[in-house]
């Protein structure tokens, strides 16, 4: 007689060779698409940018990209339903376009988040955004 324990909704994904790699240096970003997007809302200033959850079918990976003012700095996050995550700090510049590293997410829900600051970051000079979950 065999007894089977219930399995979790998502088992931990096997490590991907692309985990924590740059999507554009690896070639995964070349044919990627936006699967979810959301506004980045400033604490005082309303909408201050856009956050996008990206998907590469070629590499079976997700990552987070943002478009903000060139004066902003911050940190982008990527999360997967099995509890893995990654983060990447960015400095002001780069035309306001920034992205984090990838996580393998084949057959897995993923979502992204960002925190931004400008000026001193105090007095409302900060904001954040989160995408909805996208499930492959």
C-alpha atoms as a PDB file:
ATOM      1  CA  UNK A   1       0.000   0.000   0.000  1.00  0.00           C
ATOM      2  CA  UNK A   2       1.396   3.390  -0.982  1.00  0.00           C
ATOM      3  CA  UNK A   3       0.630   6.678   0.687  1.00  0.00           C
ATOM      4  CA  UNK A   4       1.021   9.868  -1.333  1.00  0.00           C
ATOM      5  CA  UNK A   5       1.410  13.227   0.322  1.00  0.00           C
ATOM      6  CA  UNK A   6      -0.288  16.186  -1.297  1.00  0.00           C
ATOM      7  CA  UNK A   7       1.969  18.190  -3.559  1.00  0.00           C
ATOM      8  CA  UNK A   8       2.294  21.947  -3.324  1.00  0.00           C
ATOM      9  CA  UNK A   9       0.599  24.092  -5.949  1.00  0.00           C
ATOM     10  CA  UNK A  10       4.033  24.812  -7.421  1.00  0.00           C
ATOM     11  CA  UNK A  11       7.097  22.718  -6.897  1.00  0.00           C
ATOM     12  CA  UNK A  12      10.367  24.618  -6.927  1.00  0.00           C
ATOM     13  CA  UNK A  13      11.532  25.039 -10.499  1.00  0.00           C
ATOM     14  CA  UNK A  14      14.808  23.498 -11.551  1.00  0.00           C
ATOM     15  CA  UNK A  15      17.506  26.138 -11.842  1.00  0.00           C
ATOM     16  CA  UNK A  16      17.667  27.701 -15.274  1.00  0.00           C
ATOM     17  CA  UNK A  17      20.993  28.465 -16.917  1.00  0.00           C
ATOM     18  CA  UNK A  18      19.586  31.976 -17.351  1.00  0.00           C
ATOM     19  CA  UNK A  19      18.777  32.602 -13.675  1.00  0.00           C
ATOM     20  CA  UNK A  20      20.220  35.924 -12.504  1.00  0.00           C
ATOM     21  CA  UNK A  21      21.582  36.752 -15.988  1.00  0.00           C
ATOM     22  CA  UNK A  22      21.038  39.934 -18.010  1.00  0.00           C
ATOM     23  CA  UNK A  23      18.228  39.299 -20.546  1.00  0.00           C
ATOM     24  CA  UNK A  24      19.822  41.394 -23.284  1.00  0.00           C
ATOM     25  CA  UNK A  25      23.421  40.211 -22.937  1.00  0.00           C
ATOM     26  CA  UNK A  26      22.175  36.594 -22.999  1.00  0.00           C
ATOM     27  CA  UNK A  27      20.041  37.108 -26.129  1.00  0.00           C
ATOM     28  CA  UNK A  28      16.813  36.256 -24.295  1.00  0.00           C
ATOM     29  CA  UNK A  29      15.477  39.805 -24.619  1.00  0.00           C
ATOM     30  CA  UNK A  30      15.641  39.861 -28.416  1.00  0.00           C
ATOM     31  CA  UNK A  31      12.199  38.311 -28.950  1.00  0.00           C
ATOM     32  CA  UNK A  32      10.661  39.013 -25.536  1.00  0.00           C
ATOM     33  CA  UNK A  33       7.196  40.402 -24.968  1.00  0.00           C
ATOM     34  CA  UNK A  34       5.400  42.334 -22.259  1.00  0.00           C
ATOM     35  CA  UNK A  35       2.981  40.064 -20.370  1.00  0.00           C
ATOM     36  CA  UNK A  36       1.855  42.501 -17.636  1.00  0.00           C
ATOM     37  CA  UNK A  37       2.360  46.199 -17.023  1.00  0.00           C
ATOM     38  CA  UNK A  38       1.368  48.735 -14.389  1.00  0.00           C
ATOM     39  CA  UNK A  39       1.966  52.306 -13.349  1.00  0.00           C
ATOM     40  CA  UNK A  40       4.649  53.332 -10.912  1.00  0.00           C
ATOM     41  CA  UNK A  41       2.925  55.715  -8.529  1.00  0.00           C
ATOM     42  CA  UNK A  42       4.755  58.412  -6.632  1.00  0.00           C
ATOM     43  CA  UNK A  43       3.790  58.923  -3.031  1.00  0.00           C
ATOM     44  CA  UNK A  44       2.809  62.502  -3.838  1.00  0.00           C
ATOM     45  CA  UNK A  45       3.286  63.027  -7.594  1.00  0.00           C
ATOM     46  CA  UNK A  46       0.854  60.510  -9.130  1.00  0.00           C
ATOM     47  CA  UNK A  47       2.145  58.339 -11.973  1.00  0.00           C
ATOM     48  CA  UNK A  48       5.942  58.612 -12.286  1.00  0.00           C
ATOM     49  CA  UNK A  49       6.703  55.698 -14.618  1.00  0.00           C
ATOM     50  CA  UNK A  50       5.781  52.272 -15.954  1.00  0.00           C
ATOM     51  CA  UNK A  51       6.742  48.769 -14.823  1.00  0.00           C
ATOM     52  CA  UNK A  52       6.616  45.789 -17.193  1.00  0.00           C
ATOM     53  CA  UNK A  53       6.860  42.063 -16.588  1.00  0.00           C
ATOM     54  CA  UNK A  54       8.710  40.584 -19.549  1.00  0.00           C
ATOM     55  CA  UNK A  55       8.631  37.000 -20.882  1.00  0.00           C
ATOM     56  CA  UNK A  56      11.099  35.284 -23.178  1.00  0.00           C
ATOM     57  CA  UNK A  57       9.567  32.207 -24.786  1.00  0.00           C
ATOM     58  CA  UNK A  58      12.991  31.383 -26.225  1.00  0.00           C
ATOM     59  CA  UNK A  59      14.605  31.183 -22.775  1.00  0.00           C
ATOM     60  CA  UNK A  60      11.478  30.452 -20.677  1.00  0.00           C
ATOM     61  CA  UNK A  61      12.313  33.355 -18.348  1.00  0.00           C
ATOM     62  CA  UNK A  62      10.743  36.453 -16.807  1.00  0.00           C
ATOM     63  CA  UNK A  63      12.283  39.750 -15.719  1.00  0.00           C
ATOM     64  CA  UNK A  64      11.119  43.222 -14.785  1.00  0.00           C
ATOM     65  CA  UNK A  65      11.696  46.417 -16.767  1.00  0.00           C
ATOM     66  CA  UNK A  66      10.878  50.011 -15.862  1.00  0.00           C
ATOM     67  CA  UNK A  67      10.658  53.332 -17.673  1.00  0.00           C
ATOM     68  CA  UNK A  68      11.084  56.346 -15.391  1.00  0.00           C
ATOM     69  CA  UNK A  69      12.608  59.830 -15.470  1.00  0.00           C
ATOM     70  CA  UNK A  70      16.372  59.770 -16.008  1.00  0.00           C
ATOM     71  CA  UNK A  71      16.869  61.350 -12.564  1.00  0.00           C
ATOM     72  CA  UNK A  72      15.362  58.348 -10.745  1.00  0.00           C
ATOM     73  CA  UNK A  73      17.194  55.506  -9.072  1.00  0.00           C
ATOM     74  CA  UNK A  74      15.773  52.405  -7.464  1.00  0.00           C
ATOM     75  CA  UNK A  75      15.475  48.658  -7.287  1.00  0.00           C
ATOM     76  CA  UNK A  76      13.532  46.250  -9.501  1.00  0.00           C
ATOM     77  CA  UNK A  77      12.335  42.864  -8.266  1.00  0.00           C
ATOM     78  CA  UNK A  78      11.207  39.645  -9.931  1.00  0.00           C
ATOM     79  CA  UNK A  79       9.227  36.996  -8.039  1.00  0.00           C
ATOM     80  CA  UNK A  80       8.095  33.477  -8.926  1.00  0.00           C
ATOM     81  CA  UNK A  81       5.275  31.492  -7.350  1.00  0.00           C
ATOM     82  CA  UNK A  82       7.706  28.894  -5.976  1.00  0.00           C
ATOM     83  CA  UNK A  83       9.333  31.509  -3.739  1.00  0.00           C
ATOM     84  CA  UNK A  84      12.361  32.473  -5.814  1.00  0.00           C
ATOM     85  CA  UNK A  85      13.160  36.139  -6.328  1.00  0.00           C
ATOM     86  CA  UNK A  86      15.793  38.479  -7.612  1.00  0.00           C
ATOM     87  CA  UNK A  87      16.515  42.168  -7.327  1.00  0.00           C
ATOM     88  CA  UNK A  88      18.631  44.679  -9.170  1.00  0.00           C
ATOM     89  CA  UNK A  89      19.568  48.202  -8.082  1.00  0.00           C
ATOM     90  CA  UNK A  90      19.755  50.864 -10.763  1.00  0.00           C
ATOM     91  CA  UNK A  91      21.280  54.322 -10.799  1.00  0.00           C
ATOM     92  CA  UNK A  92      19.906  57.440 -12.447  1.00  0.00           C
ATOM     93  CA  UNK A  93      20.591  57.627 -16.175  1.00  0.00           C
ATOM     94  CA  UNK A  94      20.300  55.133 -19.041  1.00  0.00           C
ATOM     95  CA  UNK A  95      17.504  57.221 -20.561  1.00  0.00           C
ATOM     96  CA  UNK A  96      15.276  56.099 -17.677  1.00  0.00           C
ATOM     97  CA  UNK A  97      15.060  52.506 -18.973  1.00  0.00           C
ATOM     98  CA  UNK A  98      16.193  49.857 -16.509  1.00  0.00           C
ATOM     99  CA  UNK A  99      15.757  46.097 -16.094  1.00  0.00           C
ATOM    100  CA  UNK A 100      16.706  43.358 -13.719  1.00  0.00           C
ATOM    101  CA  UNK A 101      18.091  39.892 -14.220  1.00  0.00           C
ATOM    102  CA  UNK A 102      15.986  36.900 -15.229  1.00  0.00           C
ATOM    103  CA  UNK A 103      14.480  33.931 -13.443  1.00  0.00           C
ATOM    104  CA  UNK A 104      13.393  30.749 -15.190  1.00  0.00           C
ATOM    105  CA  UNK A 105       9.612  30.538 -14.961  1.00  0.00           C
ATOM    106  CA  UNK A 106       8.358  27.817 -17.305  1.00  0.00           C
ATOM    107  CA  UNK A 107       4.866  26.708 -16.176  1.00  0.00           C
ATOM    108  CA  UNK A 108       5.098  29.168 -13.293  1.00  0.00           C
ATOM    109  CA  UNK A 109       3.392  32.387 -12.224  1.00  0.00           C
ATOM    110  CA  UNK A 110       5.655  35.430 -11.922  1.00  0.00           C
ATOM    111  CA  UNK A 111       5.297  39.136 -11.131  1.00  0.00           C
ATOM    112  CA  UNK A 112       7.493  42.193 -10.784  1.00  0.00           C
ATOM    113  CA  UNK A 113       7.901  45.119  -8.435  1.00  0.00           C
ATOM    114  CA  UNK A 114       9.869  48.349  -8.253  1.00  0.00           C
ATOM    115  CA  UNK A 115      10.737  51.074  -5.750  1.00  0.00           C
ATOM    116  CA  UNK A 116      12.068  54.401  -7.052  1.00  0.00           C
ATOM    117  CA  UNK A 117      13.501  57.586  -5.563  1.00  0.00           C
ATOM    118  CA  UNK A 118      14.600  60.950  -6.889  1.00  0.00           C
ATOM    119  CA  UNK A 119      16.123  63.974  -5.248  1.00  0.00           C
ATOM    120  CA  UNK A 120      16.661  63.087  -1.589  1.00  0.00           C
ATOM    121  CA  UNK A 121      13.886  60.482  -1.625  1.00  0.00           C
ATOM    122  CA  UNK A 122      12.281  62.329   1.289  1.00  0.00           C
ATOM    123  CA  UNK A 123       9.146  64.453   1.244  1.00  0.00           C
ATOM    124  CA  UNK A 124       7.356  62.229  -1.228  1.00  0.00           C
ATOM    125  CA  UNK A 125      10.193  61.916  -3.733  1.00  0.00           C
ATOM    126  CA  UNK A 126       9.643  58.177  -4.007  1.00  0.00           C
ATOM    127  CA  UNK A 127       7.219  55.704  -5.508  1.00  0.00           C
ATOM    128  CA  UNK A 128       6.499  52.085  -6.228  1.00  0.00           C
ATOM    129  CA  UNK A 129       4.666  49.746  -8.556  1.00  0.00           C
ATOM    130  CA  UNK A 130       3.809  46.065  -8.892  1.00  0.00           C
ATOM    131  CA  UNK A 131       2.571  44.091 -11.876  1.00  0.00           C
ATOM    132  CA  UNK A 132      -0.216  41.558 -11.637  1.00  0.00           C
ATOM    133  CA  UNK A 133       0.823  37.912 -11.762  1.00  0.00           C
ATOM    134  CA  UNK A 134       1.284  36.322 -15.160  1.00  0.00           C
ATOM    135  CA  UNK A 135       1.015  32.548 -15.326  1.00  0.00           C
ATOM    136  CA  UNK A 136       2.594  30.542 -18.137  1.00  0.00           C
END
